[in-house]
């Protein structure tokens, strides 16, 4: 339980730092992705070696497909998330990204014709209403909030769907290697996919941005990567122990994000990139609580039905 909650805290911190980089340090989120990728393939193995040297080894061949499936879905999810962060609040993004488990049940129904009871439908609705609530601010009317014009909800929900697909590969991989070792090979798959996509994604303007802005962004990006590293290691470890508990408590990231957004908005910090009235943050906190409550009960119902 503690691992999953701590992972959620680190993911929230990482997302707020990423928002700061995209808004204040680098003019292209694509450049940020490539800078992040280059540093990750260097720093993740180094950090793992410093913490647990015994975890630096070639994994069994069976792990490689899981690492690449998780890495490929993750990079696409990141691109969507960073695009969303270039336009919307971090305290909005993080709770919606926490609805990952919501997509497992519908996929099982449509692809496998498996139905897990009406109580699971109820908890999905609770979580999704909570997600919708977290996308509200002063510029969004009620009709738009509950419509397809709610682009923030669509972008971050799509990213959550891809994260959920990638997490499916984590559980079987944890039976073969540790979270530390899997993370290294997963991120190599992540970066390899990014390189393959370079002709489509990386334009001349992005290259100029990377060359001209990497120095001033370096320290902050390093902080983001450290937070990201511990978010992943702790979550992968937790998933290997219990998917139900890990996915259920992953909704706590929205609570951390709503609290961080509120507290930062009351300061003059450069990290305070969003400022809303107390009512907005109250609604986002209530939405985040609904997401956590819905996802935890959904994960529990799913686990009970399967077992």
C-alpha atoms as a PDB file:
ATOM      1  CA  UNK A   1       0.000   0.000   0.000  1.00  0.00           C
ATOM      2  CA  UNK A   2       2.735   2.464   0.978  1.00  0.00           C
ATOM      3  CA  UNK A   3       4.665   1.759  -2.250  1.00  0.00           C
ATOM      4  CA  UNK A   4       1.623   2.544  -4.437  1.00  0.00           C
ATOM      5  CA  UNK A   5       0.790   5.768  -2.594  1.00  0.00           C
ATOM      6  CA  UNK A   6       4.410   6.956  -2.632  1.00  0.00           C
ATOM      7  CA  UNK A   7       4.621   6.170  -6.346  1.00  0.00           C
ATOM      8  CA  UNK A   8       1.526   8.324  -6.888  1.00  0.00           C
ATOM      9  CA  UNK A   9       3.146  11.199  -4.996  1.00  0.00           C
ATOM     10  CA  UNK A  10       6.309  10.970  -7.121  1.00  0.00           C
ATOM     11  CA  UNK A  11       4.226  10.837 -10.324  1.00  0.00           C
ATOM     12  CA  UNK A  12       2.345  13.983  -9.290  1.00  0.00           C
ATOM     13  CA  UNK A  13       5.630  15.779  -8.572  1.00  0.00           C
ATOM     14  CA  UNK A  14       7.030  14.621 -11.909  1.00  0.00           C
ATOM     15  CA  UNK A  15       3.972  15.922 -13.792  1.00  0.00           C
ATOM     16  CA  UNK A  16       4.127  19.357 -12.169  1.00  0.00           C
ATOM     17  CA  UNK A  17       7.846  19.624 -13.003  1.00  0.00           C
ATOM     18  CA  UNK A  18       7.145  18.511 -16.588  1.00  0.00           C
ATOM     19  CA  UNK A  19       4.474  21.211 -16.868  1.00  0.00           C
ATOM     20  CA  UNK A  20       7.004  23.765 -15.641  1.00  0.00           C
ATOM     21  CA  UNK A  21       9.607  22.656 -18.209  1.00  0.00           C
ATOM     22  CA  UNK A  22       7.095  22.802 -21.066  1.00  0.00           C
ATOM     23  CA  UNK A  23       5.771  26.202 -19.978  1.00  0.00           C
ATOM     24  CA  UNK A  24       8.905  28.009 -18.829  1.00  0.00           C
ATOM     25  CA  UNK A  25      12.074  26.213 -19.918  1.00  0.00           C
ATOM     26  CA  UNK A  26      11.532  24.708 -23.375  1.00  0.00           C
ATOM     27  CA  UNK A  27       9.383  26.085 -26.185  1.00  0.00           C
ATOM     28  CA  UNK A  28       8.697  22.648 -27.702  1.00  0.00           C
ATOM     29  CA  UNK A  29       7.355  19.670 -25.769  1.00  0.00           C
ATOM     30  CA  UNK A  30       8.753  17.405 -28.499  1.00  0.00           C
ATOM     31  CA  UNK A  31      12.251  18.669 -27.701  1.00  0.00           C
ATOM     32  CA  UNK A  32      11.588  17.987 -24.032  1.00  0.00           C
ATOM     33  CA  UNK A  33      10.618  14.376 -24.829  1.00  0.00           C
ATOM     34  CA  UNK A  34      13.880  13.787 -26.706  1.00  0.00           C
ATOM     35  CA  UNK A  35      15.991  15.438 -24.032  1.00  0.00           C
ATOM     36  CA  UNK A  36      14.212  13.357 -21.417  1.00  0.00           C
ATOM     37  CA  UNK A  37      14.778  10.180 -23.448  1.00  0.00           C
ATOM     38  CA  UNK A  38      18.508  10.796 -23.871  1.00  0.00           C
ATOM     39  CA  UNK A  39      18.978  11.444 -20.160  1.00  0.00           C
ATOM     40  CA  UNK A  40      16.817   8.481 -19.133  1.00  0.00           C
ATOM     41  CA  UNK A  41      18.815   5.871 -21.059  1.00  0.00           C
ATOM     42  CA  UNK A  42      21.937   7.170 -19.279  1.00  0.00           C
ATOM     43  CA  UNK A  43      20.631   7.958 -15.796  1.00  0.00           C
ATOM     44  CA  UNK A  44      18.214   5.085 -15.116  1.00  0.00           C
ATOM     45  CA  UNK A  45      20.963   2.417 -15.386  1.00  0.00           C
ATOM     46  CA  UNK A  46      23.357   4.625 -13.379  1.00  0.00           C
ATOM     47  CA  UNK A  47      20.794   5.208 -10.611  1.00  0.00           C
ATOM     48  CA  UNK A  48      19.970   1.512 -10.509  1.00  0.00           C
ATOM     49  CA  UNK A  49      23.674   0.623 -10.280  1.00  0.00           C
ATOM     50  CA  UNK A  50      24.149   3.075  -7.395  1.00  0.00           C
ATOM     51  CA  UNK A  51      21.091   1.770  -5.505  1.00  0.00           C
ATOM     52  CA  UNK A  52      21.144  -1.956  -6.325  1.00  0.00           C
ATOM     53  CA  UNK A  53      24.231  -2.972  -8.382  1.00  0.00           C
ATOM     54  CA  UNK A  54      23.063  -6.585  -8.559  1.00  0.00           C
ATOM     55  CA  UNK A  55      20.085  -5.548 -10.716  1.00  0.00           C
ATOM     56  CA  UNK A  56      22.259  -4.606 -13.723  1.00  0.00           C
ATOM     57  CA  UNK A  57      22.090  -7.730 -15.861  1.00  0.00           C
ATOM     58  CA  UNK A  58      20.687  -9.028 -19.138  1.00  0.00           C
ATOM     59  CA  UNK A  59      17.147 -10.249 -18.478  1.00  0.00           C
ATOM     60  CA  UNK A  60      15.679 -13.530 -19.727  1.00  0.00           C
ATOM     61  CA  UNK A  61      14.607 -13.328 -23.355  1.00  0.00           C
ATOM     62  CA  UNK A  62      10.965 -13.660 -22.266  1.00  0.00           C
ATOM     63  CA  UNK A  63      11.118 -10.207 -20.659  1.00  0.00           C
ATOM     64  CA  UNK A  64      12.013  -8.318 -23.843  1.00  0.00           C
ATOM     65  CA  UNK A  65       8.528  -8.428 -25.477  1.00  0.00           C
ATOM     66  CA  UNK A  66       6.936  -7.185 -22.245  1.00  0.00           C
ATOM     67  CA  UNK A  67       9.494  -4.382 -21.990  1.00  0.00           C
ATOM     68  CA  UNK A  68       8.912  -3.224 -25.549  1.00  0.00           C
ATOM     69  CA  UNK A  69       5.098  -3.445 -25.369  1.00  0.00           C
ATOM     70  CA  UNK A  70       5.173  -1.364 -22.195  1.00  0.00           C
ATOM     71  CA  UNK A  71       7.724   1.047 -23.680  1.00  0.00           C
ATOM     72  CA  UNK A  72       5.889   1.578 -26.989  1.00  0.00           C
ATOM     73  CA  UNK A  73       2.520   2.306 -25.355  1.00  0.00           C
ATOM     74  CA  UNK A  74       4.230   4.510 -22.790  1.00  0.00           C
ATOM     75  CA  UNK A  75       5.944   6.822 -25.287  1.00  0.00           C
ATOM     76  CA  UNK A  76       2.693   7.441 -27.150  1.00  0.00           C
ATOM     77  CA  UNK A  77       0.989   8.100 -23.818  1.00  0.00           C
ATOM     78  CA  UNK A  78       3.753  10.557 -22.892  1.00  0.00           C
ATOM     79  CA  UNK A  79       3.417  12.445 -26.160  1.00  0.00           C
ATOM     80  CA  UNK A  80      -0.317  12.845 -25.568  1.00  0.00           C
ATOM     81  CA  UNK A  81       0.251  13.843 -21.953  1.00  0.00           C
ATOM     82  CA  UNK A  82       2.873  16.466 -22.814  1.00  0.00           C
ATOM     83  CA  UNK A  83       0.691  17.874 -25.563  1.00  0.00           C
ATOM     84  CA  UNK A  84      -2.098  18.153 -23.012  1.00  0.00           C
ATOM     85  CA  UNK A  85       0.205  19.741 -20.429  1.00  0.00           C
ATOM     86  CA  UNK A  86       1.201  22.392 -22.982  1.00  0.00           C
ATOM     87  CA  UNK A  87      -2.454  23.512 -22.912  1.00  0.00           C
ATOM     88  CA  UNK A  88      -3.979  22.489 -19.566  1.00  0.00           C
ATOM     89  CA  UNK A  89      -3.249  22.459 -15.810  1.00  0.00           C
ATOM     90  CA  UNK A  90      -1.186  19.752 -14.156  1.00  0.00           C
ATOM     91  CA  UNK A  91      -3.775  19.551 -11.343  1.00  0.00           C
ATOM     92  CA  UNK A  92      -6.305  18.700 -14.064  1.00  0.00           C
ATOM     93  CA  UNK A  93      -4.118  16.204 -15.910  1.00  0.00           C
ATOM     94  CA  UNK A  94      -2.922  14.000 -13.055  1.00  0.00           C
ATOM     95  CA  UNK A  95      -6.358  12.952 -11.717  1.00  0.00           C
ATOM     96  CA  UNK A  96      -7.624  12.027 -15.193  1.00  0.00           C
ATOM     97  CA  UNK A  97      -4.458  10.025 -15.867  1.00  0.00           C
ATOM     98  CA  UNK A  98      -5.304   8.078 -12.729  1.00  0.00           C
ATOM     99  CA  UNK A  99      -8.377   6.452 -14.314  1.00  0.00           C
ATOM    100  CA  UNK A 100      -6.224   3.814 -16.062  1.00  0.00           C
ATOM    101  CA  UNK A 101      -8.029   0.813 -14.487  1.00  0.00           C
ATOM    102  CA  UNK A 102     -11.369   2.064 -15.841  1.00  0.00           C
ATOM    103  CA  UNK A 103     -10.384   0.923 -19.339  1.00  0.00           C
ATOM    104  CA  UNK A 104      -9.599  -2.691 -18.416  1.00  0.00           C
ATOM    105  CA  UNK A 105     -13.250  -3.675 -17.891  1.00  0.00           C
ATOM    106  CA  UNK A 106     -14.684  -2.278 -21.166  1.00  0.00           C
ATOM    107  CA  UNK A 107     -11.788  -3.804 -23.118  1.00  0.00           C
ATOM    108  CA  UNK A 108     -12.507  -7.187 -21.530  1.00  0.00           C
ATOM    109  CA  UNK A 109     -16.177  -6.884 -22.467  1.00  0.00           C
ATOM    110  CA  UNK A 110     -15.709  -5.853 -26.090  1.00  0.00           C
ATOM    111  CA  UNK A 111     -12.672  -7.999 -26.890  1.00  0.00           C
ATOM    112  CA  UNK A 112     -13.283 -11.064 -24.728  1.00  0.00           C
ATOM    113  CA  UNK A 113     -17.046 -10.892 -24.148  1.00  0.00           C
ATOM    114  CA  UNK A 114     -16.433 -10.941 -20.392  1.00  0.00           C
ATOM    115  CA  UNK A 115     -18.876  -9.156 -18.083  1.00  0.00           C
ATOM    116  CA  UNK A 116     -18.005  -8.614 -14.421  1.00  0.00           C
ATOM    117  CA  UNK A 117     -21.329  -7.416 -13.051  1.00  0.00           C
ATOM    118  CA  UNK A 118     -23.269  -4.198 -12.799  1.00  0.00           C
ATOM    119  CA  UNK A 119     -21.373  -3.087  -9.713  1.00  0.00           C
ATOM    120  CA  UNK A 120     -18.253  -2.654 -11.876  1.00  0.00           C
ATOM    121  CA  UNK A 121     -20.265  -0.427 -14.229  1.00  0.00           C
ATOM    122  CA  UNK A 122     -21.288   1.698 -11.238  1.00  0.00           C
ATOM    123  CA  UNK A 123     -17.690   2.193 -10.095  1.00  0.00           C
ATOM    124  CA  UNK A 124     -16.592   3.060 -13.645  1.00  0.00           C
ATOM    125  CA  UNK A 125     -19.278   5.760 -13.755  1.00  0.00           C
ATOM    126  CA  UNK A 126     -18.202   7.113 -10.348  1.00  0.00           C
ATOM    127  CA  UNK A 127     -14.570   7.351 -11.464  1.00  0.00           C
ATOM    128  CA  UNK A 128     -15.420   8.956 -14.805  1.00  0.00           C
ATOM    129  CA  UNK A 129     -17.754  11.543 -13.248  1.00  0.00           C
ATOM    130  CA  UNK A 130     -14.870  12.366 -10.896  1.00  0.00           C
ATOM    131  CA  UNK A 131     -12.537  12.722 -13.889  1.00  0.00           C
ATOM    132  CA  UNK A 132     -14.985  15.076 -15.593  1.00  0.00           C
ATOM    133  CA  UNK A 133     -15.207  17.183 -12.420  1.00  0.00           C
ATOM    134  CA  UNK A 134     -11.425  17.641 -12.314  1.00  0.00           C
ATOM    135  CA  UNK A 135     -11.429  19.181 -15.815  1.00  0.00           C
ATOM    136  CA  UNK A 136     -13.625  22.089 -14.723  1.00  0.00           C
ATOM    137  CA  UNK A 137     -12.335  25.663 -14.507  1.00  0.00           C
ATOM    138  CA  UNK A 138     -13.699  29.187 -14.942  1.00  0.00           C
ATOM    139  CA  UNK A 139     -13.663  28.962 -18.751  1.00  0.00           C
ATOM    140  CA  UNK A 140     -15.600  25.701 -19.069  1.00  0.00           C
ATOM    141  CA  UNK A 141     -19.395  25.650 -18.928  1.00  0.00           C
ATOM    142  CA  UNK A 142     -21.421  22.692 -17.668  1.00  0.00           C
ATOM    143  CA  UNK A 143     -22.625  21.690 -21.153  1.00  0.00           C
ATOM    144  CA  UNK A 144     -19.084  21.645 -22.524  1.00  0.00           C
ATOM    145  CA  UNK A 145     -17.851  19.783 -19.447  1.00  0.00           C
ATOM    146  CA  UNK A 146     -20.113  16.804 -20.233  1.00  0.00           C
ATOM    147  CA  UNK A 147     -19.595  16.828 -23.998  1.00  0.00           C
ATOM    148  CA  UNK A 148     -17.033  15.778 -26.586  1.00  0.00           C
ATOM    149  CA  UNK A 149     -15.841  19.392 -26.612  1.00  0.00           C
ATOM    150  CA  UNK A 150     -14.101  18.674 -23.323  1.00  0.00           C
ATOM    151  CA  UNK A 151     -10.753  18.182 -25.054  1.00  0.00           C
ATOM    152  CA  UNK A 152      -8.754  17.998 -21.826  1.00  0.00           C
ATOM    153  CA  UNK A 153     -10.755  14.949 -20.757  1.00  0.00           C
ATOM    154  CA  UNK A 154     -10.331  13.289 -24.165  1.00  0.00           C
ATOM    155  CA  UNK A 155      -6.556  13.894 -24.354  1.00  0.00           C
ATOM    156  CA  UNK A 156      -5.698  12.703 -20.857  1.00  0.00           C
ATOM    157  CA  UNK A 157      -8.170   9.803 -20.976  1.00  0.00           C
ATOM    158  CA  UNK A 158      -6.514   8.585 -24.193  1.00  0.00           C
ATOM    159  CA  UNK A 159      -3.147   8.834 -22.455  1.00  0.00           C
ATOM    160  CA  UNK A 160      -4.523   6.876 -19.471  1.00  0.00           C
ATOM    161  CA  UNK A 161      -5.811   4.178 -21.834  1.00  0.00           C
ATOM    162  CA  UNK A 162      -2.323   3.748 -23.303  1.00  0.00           C
ATOM    163  CA  UNK A 163      -0.739   3.648 -19.848  1.00  0.00           C
ATOM    164  CA  UNK A 164      -3.249   0.944 -18.871  1.00  0.00           C
ATOM    165  CA  UNK A 165      -2.347  -1.093 -21.954  1.00  0.00           C
ATOM    166  CA  UNK A 166       1.340  -0.818 -21.069  1.00  0.00           C
ATOM    167  CA  UNK A 167       0.778  -1.837 -17.447  1.00  0.00           C
ATOM    168  CA  UNK A 168      -0.730  -5.123 -18.608  1.00  0.00           C
ATOM    169  CA  UNK A 169       2.799  -6.164 -19.603  1.00  0.00           C
ATOM    170  CA  UNK A 170       4.255  -5.296 -16.199  1.00  0.00           C
ATOM    171  CA  UNK A 171       2.639  -8.009 -14.076  1.00  0.00           C
ATOM    172  CA  UNK A 172       4.019 -11.038 -16.016  1.00  0.00           C
ATOM    173  CA  UNK A 173       7.422  -9.346 -16.317  1.00  0.00           C
ATOM    174  CA  UNK A 174       7.617  -8.947 -12.524  1.00  0.00           C
ATOM    175  CA  UNK A 175       7.553 -12.751 -12.220  1.00  0.00           C
ATOM    176  CA  UNK A 176      10.825 -12.889 -14.184  1.00  0.00           C
ATOM    177  CA  UNK A 177      12.859  -9.874 -13.058  1.00  0.00           C
ATOM    178  CA  UNK A 178      12.750  -7.123 -10.449  1.00  0.00           C
ATOM    179  CA  UNK A 179      11.175  -3.706 -10.957  1.00  0.00           C
ATOM    180  CA  UNK A 180      14.652  -2.128 -11.132  1.00  0.00           C
ATOM    181  CA  UNK A 181      15.852  -4.346 -13.954  1.00  0.00           C
ATOM    182  CA  UNK A 182      12.587  -4.229 -15.916  1.00  0.00           C
ATOM    183  CA  UNK A 183      12.561  -0.437 -15.801  1.00  0.00           C
ATOM    184  CA  UNK A 184      15.925  -0.237 -17.585  1.00  0.00           C
ATOM    185  CA  UNK A 185      14.850  -2.449 -20.498  1.00  0.00           C
ATOM    186  CA  UNK A 186      11.423  -0.857 -20.686  1.00  0.00           C
ATOM    187  CA  UNK A 187      12.968   2.586 -21.060  1.00  0.00           C
ATOM    188  CA  UNK A 188      15.279   1.304 -23.794  1.00  0.00           C
ATOM    189  CA  UNK A 189      12.148   0.185 -25.645  1.00  0.00           C
ATOM    190  CA  UNK A 190      10.619   3.594 -24.904  1.00  0.00           C
ATOM    191  CA  UNK A 191      13.614   5.449 -26.330  1.00  0.00           C
ATOM    192  CA  UNK A 192      13.943   3.071 -29.299  1.00  0.00           C
ATOM    193  CA  UNK A 193      10.346   3.814 -30.260  1.00  0.00           C
ATOM    194  CA  UNK A 194      11.065   7.529 -29.959  1.00  0.00           C
ATOM    195  CA  UNK A 195      14.009   7.196 -32.352  1.00  0.00           C
ATOM    196  CA  UNK A 196      11.899   5.258 -34.858  1.00  0.00           C
ATOM    197  CA  UNK A 197       9.269   8.014 -34.738  1.00  0.00           C
ATOM    198  CA  UNK A 198      11.871  10.787 -35.225  1.00  0.00           C
ATOM    199  CA  UNK A 199      11.186  11.343 -38.969  1.00  0.00           C
ATOM    200  CA  UNK A 200       7.548  12.029 -38.101  1.00  0.00           C
ATOM    201  CA  UNK A 201       7.922  13.861 -34.791  1.00  0.00           C
ATOM    202  CA  UNK A 202      11.241  15.676 -34.726  1.00  0.00           C
ATOM    203  CA  UNK A 203      11.242  18.706 -36.992  1.00  0.00           C
ATOM    204  CA  UNK A 204      13.922  21.313 -37.625  1.00  0.00           C
ATOM    205  CA  UNK A 205      12.338  23.738 -35.177  1.00  0.00           C
ATOM    206  CA  UNK A 206      12.409  21.081 -32.444  1.00  0.00           C
ATOM    207  CA  UNK A 207      16.114  20.484 -33.089  1.00  0.00           C
ATOM    208  CA  UNK A 208      16.847  24.219 -32.838  1.00  0.00           C
ATOM    209  CA  UNK A 209      14.872  24.366 -29.601  1.00  0.00           C
ATOM    210  CA  UNK A 210      16.809  21.421 -28.151  1.00  0.00           C
ATOM    211  CA  UNK A 211      20.186  22.927 -29.109  1.00  0.00           C
ATOM    212  CA  UNK A 212      19.335  26.359 -27.795  1.00  0.00           C
ATOM    213  CA  UNK A 213      17.432  25.550 -24.608  1.00  0.00           C
ATOM    214  CA  UNK A 214      18.805  22.310 -23.138  1.00  0.00           C
ATOM    215  CA  UNK A 215      21.279  24.073 -20.843  1.00  0.00           C
ATOM    216  CA  UNK A 216      18.758  26.246 -19.064  1.00  0.00           C
ATOM    217  CA  UNK A 217      16.358  23.293 -18.738  1.00  0.00           C
ATOM    218  CA  UNK A 218      18.933  20.696 -17.635  1.00  0.00           C
ATOM    219  CA  UNK A 219      18.627  20.956 -13.841  1.00  0.00           C
ATOM    220  CA  UNK A 220      14.838  20.936 -13.868  1.00  0.00           C
ATOM    221  CA  UNK A 221      14.665  18.038 -16.338  1.00  0.00           C
ATOM    222  CA  UNK A 222      17.051  16.063 -14.115  1.00  0.00           C
ATOM    223  CA  UNK A 223      14.720  16.634 -11.159  1.00  0.00           C
ATOM    224  CA  UNK A 224      11.798  15.435 -13.275  1.00  0.00           C
ATOM    225  CA  UNK A 225      13.672  12.268 -14.261  1.00  0.00           C
ATOM    226  CA  UNK A 226      14.581  11.471 -10.638  1.00  0.00           C
ATOM    227  CA  UNK A 227      10.920  11.803  -9.625  1.00  0.00           C
ATOM    228  CA  UNK A 228       9.893   9.714 -12.641  1.00  0.00           C
ATOM    229  CA  UNK A 229      12.410   6.990 -11.769  1.00  0.00           C
ATOM    230  CA  UNK A 230      11.078   6.488  -8.250  1.00  0.00           C
ATOM    231  CA  UNK A 231       7.465   6.709  -9.427  1.00  0.00           C
ATOM    232  CA  UNK A 232       8.069   3.834 -11.846  1.00  0.00           C
ATOM    233  CA  UNK A 233      10.228   1.654  -9.592  1.00  0.00           C
ATOM    234  CA  UNK A 234       7.782   1.879  -6.717  1.00  0.00           C
ATOM    235  CA  UNK A 235       4.733   1.309  -8.905  1.00  0.00           C
ATOM    236  CA  UNK A 236       6.262  -1.659 -10.740  1.00  0.00           C
ATOM    237  CA  UNK A 237       7.219  -3.210  -7.410  1.00  0.00           C
ATOM    238  CA  UNK A 238       3.709  -2.639  -6.124  1.00  0.00           C
ATOM    239  CA  UNK A 239       2.134  -4.109  -9.274  1.00  0.00           C
ATOM    240  CA  UNK A 240       4.253  -7.218  -8.853  1.00  0.00           C
ATOM    241  CA  UNK A 241       2.862  -7.589  -5.334  1.00  0.00           C
ATOM    242  CA  UNK A 242      -0.810  -6.819  -6.006  1.00  0.00           C
ATOM    243  CA  UNK A 243      -2.398  -5.357  -9.124  1.00  0.00           C
ATOM    244  CA  UNK A 244      -5.703  -4.756  -7.312  1.00  0.00           C
ATOM    245  CA  UNK A 245      -4.191  -2.707  -4.481  1.00  0.00           C
ATOM    246  CA  UNK A 246      -1.736  -0.875  -6.749  1.00  0.00           C
ATOM    247  CA  UNK A 247      -4.292   0.158  -9.358  1.00  0.00           C
ATOM    248  CA  UNK A 248      -6.827   1.014  -6.677  1.00  0.00           C
ATOM    249  CA  UNK A 249      -4.473   3.317  -4.803  1.00  0.00           C
ATOM    250  CA  UNK A 250      -3.055   4.881  -7.974  1.00  0.00           C
ATOM    251  CA  UNK A 251      -6.087   7.165  -7.842  1.00  0.00           C
ATOM    252  CA  UNK A 252      -4.417   8.932  -4.913  1.00  0.00           C
ATOM    253  CA  UNK A 253      -2.234  10.790  -7.427  1.00  0.00           C
ATOM    254  CA  UNK A 254      -5.194  13.030  -8.214  1.00  0.00           C
ATOM    255  CA  UNK A 255      -5.550  13.973  -4.554  1.00  0.00           C
ATOM    256  CA  UNK A 256      -1.867  14.901  -4.368  1.00  0.00           C
ATOM    257  CA  UNK A 257      -2.161  16.920  -7.593  1.00  0.00           C
ATOM    258  CA  UNK A 258      -5.236  18.877  -6.509  1.00  0.00           C
ATOM    259  CA  UNK A 259      -3.547  19.710  -3.187  1.00  0.00           C
ATOM    260  CA  UNK A 260      -0.283  20.722  -4.897  1.00  0.00           C
ATOM    261  CA  UNK A 261      -2.106  22.882  -7.430  1.00  0.00           C
ATOM    262  CA  UNK A 262      -4.021  24.660  -4.673  1.00  0.00           C
ATOM    263  CA  UNK A 263      -0.964  25.246  -2.473  1.00  0.00           C
ATOM    264  CA  UNK A 264       1.199  26.479  -5.355  1.00  0.00           C
ATOM    265  CA  UNK A 265      -1.545  28.841  -6.515  1.00  0.00           C
ATOM    266  CA  UNK A 266      -1.283  30.620  -3.162  1.00  0.00           C
ATOM    267  CA  UNK A 267       2.426  31.334  -3.612  1.00  0.00           C
ATOM    268  CA  UNK A 268       4.526  33.522  -5.894  1.00  0.00           C
ATOM    269  CA  UNK A 269       6.649  30.554  -6.928  1.00  0.00           C
ATOM    270  CA  UNK A 270       7.661  30.191 -10.571  1.00  0.00           C
ATOM    271  CA  UNK A 271       6.163  26.697 -10.320  1.00  0.00           C
ATOM    272  CA  UNK A 272       2.728  28.254  -9.793  1.00  0.00           C
ATOM    273  CA  UNK A 273       1.551  27.981 -13.399  1.00  0.00           C
ATOM    274  CA  UNK A 274      -2.143  27.848 -12.576  1.00  0.00           C
ATOM    275  CA  UNK A 275      -4.246  30.125 -10.418  1.00  0.00           C
ATOM    276  CA  UNK A 276      -7.920  29.459  -9.793  1.00  0.00           C
ATOM    277  CA  UNK A 277     -10.453  30.268  -7.143  1.00  0.00           C
ATOM    278  CA  UNK A 278     -10.842  28.012  -4.114  1.00  0.00           C
ATOM    279  CA  UNK A 279     -14.062  26.602  -5.549  1.00  0.00           C
ATOM    280  CA  UNK A 280     -12.228  25.166  -8.595  1.00  0.00           C
ATOM    281  CA  UNK A 281      -9.700  23.331  -6.440  1.00  0.00           C
ATOM    282  CA  UNK A 282     -12.456  22.107  -4.121  1.00  0.00           C
ATOM    283  CA  UNK A 283     -14.331  20.596  -7.064  1.00  0.00           C
ATOM    284  CA  UNK A 284     -11.094  19.060  -8.405  1.00  0.00           C
ATOM    285  CA  UNK A 285     -10.349  17.555  -4.991  1.00  0.00           C
ATOM    286  CA  UNK A 286     -13.854  16.085  -4.787  1.00  0.00           C
ATOM    287  CA  UNK A 287     -13.412  14.721  -8.311  1.00  0.00           C
ATOM    288  CA  UNK A 288     -10.056  13.191  -7.353  1.00  0.00           C
ATOM    289  CA  UNK A 289     -11.623  11.553  -4.281  1.00  0.00           C
ATOM    290  CA  UNK A 290     -14.375  10.099  -6.480  1.00  0.00           C
ATOM    291  CA  UNK A 291     -11.759   8.734  -8.878  1.00  0.00           C
ATOM    292  CA  UNK A 292      -9.842   7.041  -6.066  1.00  0.00           C
ATOM    293  CA  UNK A 293     -13.031   5.677  -4.458  1.00  0.00           C
ATOM    294  CA  UNK A 294     -14.379   4.426  -7.788  1.00  0.00           C
ATOM    295  CA  UNK A 295     -11.112   2.844  -8.939  1.00  0.00           C
ATOM    296  CA  UNK A 296     -10.382   1.147  -5.627  1.00  0.00           C
ATOM    297  CA  UNK A 297     -13.853  -0.413  -5.503  1.00  0.00           C
ATOM    298  CA  UNK A 298     -13.659  -1.258  -9.213  1.00  0.00           C
ATOM    299  CA  UNK A 299     -10.323  -3.041  -8.698  1.00  0.00           C
ATOM    300  CA  UNK A 300     -11.725  -4.865  -5.664  1.00  0.00           C
ATOM    301  CA  UNK A 301     -14.894  -5.959  -7.516  1.00  0.00           C
ATOM    302  CA  UNK A 302     -12.859  -7.104 -10.499  1.00  0.00           C
ATOM    303  CA  UNK A 303     -10.489  -9.069  -8.281  1.00  0.00           C
ATOM    304  CA  UNK A 304     -13.351 -10.728  -6.378  1.00  0.00           C
ATOM    305  CA  UNK A 305     -15.172 -11.688  -9.589  1.00  0.00           C
ATOM    306  CA  UNK A 306     -12.070 -13.155 -11.236  1.00  0.00           C
ATOM    307  CA  UNK A 307     -11.039 -15.105  -8.136  1.00  0.00           C
END
